[in-house]
Amino acid sequence: MCSDSVHEVARLVEFLVRRIIVENASMLPDFVPGERVTAIRRWRHPRPGDVVVLRDPRDADHWLLKRCVSRVGTRLDVRGDNAGPSTDSRAFGLVEEASVSWIVLSKRSSAGPHALTES
């Protein structure tokens, strides 16, 4: 029975928390390729300044790591900190808040188990 409880807690944590690897330079200098970020499932409205993980509005199989720079109702302007290599709201327009799945809480310097290819 204790083992079942441990498995339930592990599944809950896996549902709520992700370690994601930054794989692109679009968020330099704050997020460097190869760094791990810890993200938590979105539990509140993203605010300007939050770093978020969302599905690419052009390709739902692709994830993006971006900073929320503003909101207009339920729509967000998300941008990469490094404009040159970043594909963001400047290219695809505002995104619906519902497309944000994760809010980044912290980062580490080495790679972890959940890879995120972002641009």
C-alpha atoms as a PDB file:
ATOM      1  CA  MET A   1       0.000   0.000   0.000  1.00  0.00           C
ATOM      2  CA  CYS A   2       2.844   2.397   0.790  1.00  0.00           C
ATOM      3  CA  SER A   3       4.328   1.669  -2.637  1.00  0.00           C
ATOM      4  CA  ASP A   4       1.034   2.659  -4.284  1.00  0.00           C
ATOM      5  CA  SER A   5       1.078   5.976  -2.418  1.00  0.00           C
ATOM      6  CA  VAL A   6       4.636   6.659  -3.539  1.00  0.00           C
ATOM      7  CA  HIS A   7       3.677   5.970  -7.145  1.00  0.00           C
ATOM      8  CA  GLU A   8       0.652   8.270  -6.883  1.00  0.00           C
ATOM      9  CA  VAL A   9       2.800  11.083  -5.468  1.00  0.00           C
ATOM     10  CA  ALA A  10       5.405  10.534  -8.192  1.00  0.00           C
ATOM     11  CA  ARG A  11       2.720  10.766 -10.895  1.00  0.00           C
ATOM     12  CA  LEU A  12       1.338  13.938  -9.337  1.00  0.00           C
ATOM     13  CA  VAL A  13       4.785  15.540  -9.237  1.00  0.00           C
ATOM     14  CA  GLU A  14       5.442  14.493 -12.844  1.00  0.00           C
ATOM     15  CA  PHE A  15       2.133  16.086 -13.851  1.00  0.00           C
ATOM     16  CA  LEU A  16       2.923  19.355 -12.041  1.00  0.00           C
ATOM     17  CA  VAL A  17       6.690  19.813 -12.525  1.00  0.00           C
ATOM     18  CA  ARG A  18       8.990  19.458 -15.543  1.00  0.00           C
ATOM     19  CA  ARG A  19      12.714  19.788 -16.075  1.00  0.00           C
ATOM     20  CA  ILE A  20      13.295  21.146 -19.545  1.00  0.00           C
ATOM     21  CA  ILE A  21      16.550  21.546 -21.482  1.00  0.00           C
ATOM     22  CA  VAL A  22      17.109  24.827 -23.299  1.00  0.00           C
ATOM     23  CA  GLU A  23      18.254  23.907 -26.798  1.00  0.00           C
ATOM     24  CA  ASN A  24      18.385  27.225 -28.635  1.00  0.00           C
ATOM     25  CA  ALA A  25      19.931  30.685 -28.270  1.00  0.00           C
ATOM     26  CA  SER A  26      16.646  32.618 -28.470  1.00  0.00           C
ATOM     27  CA  MET A  27      16.616  33.334 -24.714  1.00  0.00           C
ATOM     28  CA  LEU A  28      20.265  34.379 -24.323  1.00  0.00           C
ATOM     29  CA  PRO A  29      21.752  35.754 -22.148  1.00  0.00           C
ATOM     30  CA  ASP A  30      19.448  34.556 -19.330  1.00  0.00           C
ATOM     31  CA  PHE A  31      18.900  31.019 -20.644  1.00  0.00           C
ATOM     32  CA  VAL A  32      21.864  29.294 -22.265  1.00  0.00           C
ATOM     33  CA  PRO A  33      21.605  26.201 -24.476  1.00  0.00           C
ATOM     34  CA  GLY A  34      22.164  23.100 -22.332  1.00  0.00           C
ATOM     35  CA  GLU A  35      20.741  24.642 -19.170  1.00  0.00           C
ATOM     36  CA  ARG A  36      17.905  22.908 -17.371  1.00  0.00           C
ATOM     37  CA  VAL A  37      14.903  24.913 -16.308  1.00  0.00           C
ATOM     38  CA  THR A  38      12.313  23.826 -13.787  1.00  0.00           C
ATOM     39  CA  ALA A  39       8.805  24.653 -14.874  1.00  0.00           C
ATOM     40  CA  ILE A  40       5.518  24.146 -13.102  1.00  0.00           C
ATOM     41  CA  ARG A  41       2.176  23.564 -14.784  1.00  0.00           C
ATOM     42  CA  ARG A  42       0.432  26.910 -15.251  1.00  0.00           C
ATOM     43  CA  TRP A  43      -1.614  27.564 -12.127  1.00  0.00           C
ATOM     44  CA  ARG A  44      -2.194  31.293 -12.622  1.00  0.00           C
ATOM     45  CA  HIS A  45      -2.388  33.839 -15.400  1.00  0.00           C
ATOM     46  CA  PRO A  46       1.029  34.511 -16.948  1.00  0.00           C
ATOM     47  CA  ARG A  47       2.271  37.977 -16.087  1.00  0.00           C
ATOM     48  CA  PRO A  48       4.634  40.277 -17.978  1.00  0.00           C
ATOM     49  CA  GLY A  49       8.159  39.171 -17.108  1.00  0.00           C
ATOM     50  CA  ASP A  50       7.261  35.492 -16.654  1.00  0.00           C
ATOM     51  CA  VAL A  51       9.220  32.985 -18.704  1.00  0.00           C
ATOM     52  CA  VAL A  52       6.755  30.489 -20.099  1.00  0.00           C
ATOM     53  CA  VAL A  53       6.673  27.263 -22.099  1.00  0.00           C
ATOM     54  CA  LEU A  54       4.009  27.094 -24.779  1.00  0.00           C
ATOM     55  CA  ARG A  55       3.141  25.158 -27.880  1.00  0.00           C
ATOM     56  CA  ASP A  56       4.272  26.788 -31.088  1.00  0.00           C
ATOM     57  CA  PRO A  57       1.112  28.237 -32.673  1.00  0.00           C
ATOM     58  CA  ARG A  58       2.428  27.145 -36.096  1.00  0.00           C
ATOM     59  CA  ASP A  59       3.314  23.570 -35.074  1.00  0.00           C
ATOM     60  CA  ALA A  60       1.644  22.004 -32.018  1.00  0.00           C
ATOM     61  CA  ASP A  61       4.383  19.325 -31.797  1.00  0.00           C
ATOM     62  CA  HIS A  62       6.985  22.037 -31.131  1.00  0.00           C
ATOM     63  CA  TRP A  63       7.488  23.772 -27.765  1.00  0.00           C
ATOM     64  CA  LEU A  64       8.750  27.335 -27.235  1.00  0.00           C
ATOM     65  CA  LEU A  65      10.482  28.955 -24.262  1.00  0.00           C
ATOM     66  CA  LYS A  66       9.613  32.683 -24.266  1.00  0.00           C
ATOM     67  CA  ARG A  67       9.156  35.671 -22.004  1.00  0.00           C
ATOM     68  CA  CYS A  68       5.700  37.179 -21.626  1.00  0.00           C
ATOM     69  CA  VAL A  69       6.178  40.893 -22.342  1.00  0.00           C
ATOM     70  CA  SER A  70       2.552  42.024 -22.226  1.00  0.00           C
ATOM     71  CA  ARG A  71      -1.041  40.864 -22.190  1.00  0.00           C
ATOM     72  CA  VAL A  72      -4.089  42.124 -24.001  1.00  0.00           C
ATOM     73  CA  GLY A  73      -7.098  40.450 -22.394  1.00  0.00           C
ATOM     74  CA  THR A  74      -6.458  36.722 -22.725  1.00  0.00           C
ATOM     75  CA  ARG A  75      -3.800  37.167 -25.400  1.00  0.00           C
ATOM     76  CA  LEU A  76      -0.073  37.343 -24.697  1.00  0.00           C
ATOM     77  CA  ASP A  77       2.866  38.942 -26.438  1.00  0.00           C
ATOM     78  CA  VAL A  78       5.693  36.418 -25.992  1.00  0.00           C
ATOM     79  CA  ARG A  79       9.238  37.100 -27.122  1.00  0.00           C
ATOM     80  CA  GLY A  80      12.694  35.643 -26.978  1.00  0.00           C
ATOM     81  CA  ASP A  81      15.242  37.715 -25.068  1.00  0.00           C
ATOM     82  CA  ASN A  82      17.646  37.367 -28.007  1.00  0.00           C
ATOM     83  CA  ALA A  83      15.634  38.809 -30.905  1.00  0.00           C
ATOM     84  CA  GLY A  84      17.924  37.661 -33.733  1.00  0.00           C
ATOM     85  CA  PRO A  85      17.426  33.891 -33.519  1.00  0.00           C
ATOM     86  CA  SER A  86      13.989  34.075 -31.870  1.00  0.00           C
ATOM     87  CA  THR A  87      10.710  33.160 -33.512  1.00  0.00           C
ATOM     88  CA  ASP A  88       8.026  34.748 -31.348  1.00  0.00           C
ATOM     89  CA  SER A  89       5.003  37.073 -31.345  1.00  0.00           C
ATOM     90  CA  ARG A  90       6.835  39.367 -33.758  1.00  0.00           C
ATOM     91  CA  ALA A  91       6.486  36.546 -36.310  1.00  0.00           C
ATOM     92  CA  PHE A  92       3.213  34.829 -35.371  1.00  0.00           C
ATOM     93  CA  GLY A  93       1.313  37.493 -33.414  1.00  0.00           C
ATOM     94  CA  LEU A  94      -0.234  37.358 -29.970  1.00  0.00           C
ATOM     95  CA  VAL A  95      -0.962  33.919 -28.500  1.00  0.00           C
ATOM     96  CA  GLU A  96      -3.878  32.776 -26.400  1.00  0.00           C
ATOM     97  CA  GLU A  97      -3.099  32.420 -22.706  1.00  0.00           C
ATOM     98  CA  ALA A  98      -4.452  28.859 -22.867  1.00  0.00           C
ATOM     99  CA  SER A  99      -1.506  27.885 -25.092  1.00  0.00           C
ATOM    100  CA  VAL A 100       0.872  28.426 -22.139  1.00  0.00           C
ATOM    101  CA  SER A 101       1.355  25.099 -20.380  1.00  0.00           C
ATOM    102  CA  TRP A 102       4.244  25.844 -18.021  1.00  0.00           C
ATOM    103  CA  ILE A 103       5.732  28.762 -16.067  1.00  0.00           C
ATOM    104  CA  VAL A 104       9.480  28.593 -15.443  1.00  0.00           C
ATOM    105  CA  LEU A 105      10.527  28.766 -11.798  1.00  0.00           C
ATOM    106  CA  SER A 106      14.289  28.231 -11.854  1.00  0.00           C
ATOM    107  CA  LYS A 107      17.217  27.010 -13.899  1.00  0.00           C
ATOM    108  CA  ARG A 108      20.266  24.755 -13.508  1.00  0.00           C
ATOM    109  CA  SER A 109      23.375  24.402 -15.608  1.00  0.00           C
ATOM    110  CA  SER A 110      23.281  20.743 -16.724  1.00  0.00           C
ATOM    111  CA  ALA A 111      20.942  18.715 -18.908  1.00  0.00           C
ATOM    112  CA  GLY A 112      17.921  16.887 -17.494  1.00  0.00           C
ATOM    113  CA  PRO A 113      15.371  14.307 -18.624  1.00  0.00           C
ATOM    114  CA  HIS A 114      12.797  16.363 -20.581  1.00  0.00           C
ATOM    115  CA  ALA A 115      14.216  18.017 -23.680  1.00  0.00           C
ATOM    116  CA  LEU A 116      12.604  21.090 -25.163  1.00  0.00           C
ATOM    117  CA  THR A 117      13.501  22.252 -28.621  1.00  0.00           C
ATOM    118  CA  GLU A 118      12.723  25.922 -28.744  1.00  0.00           C
ATOM    119  CA  SER A 119      13.324  28.686 -31.255  1.00  0.00           C
END
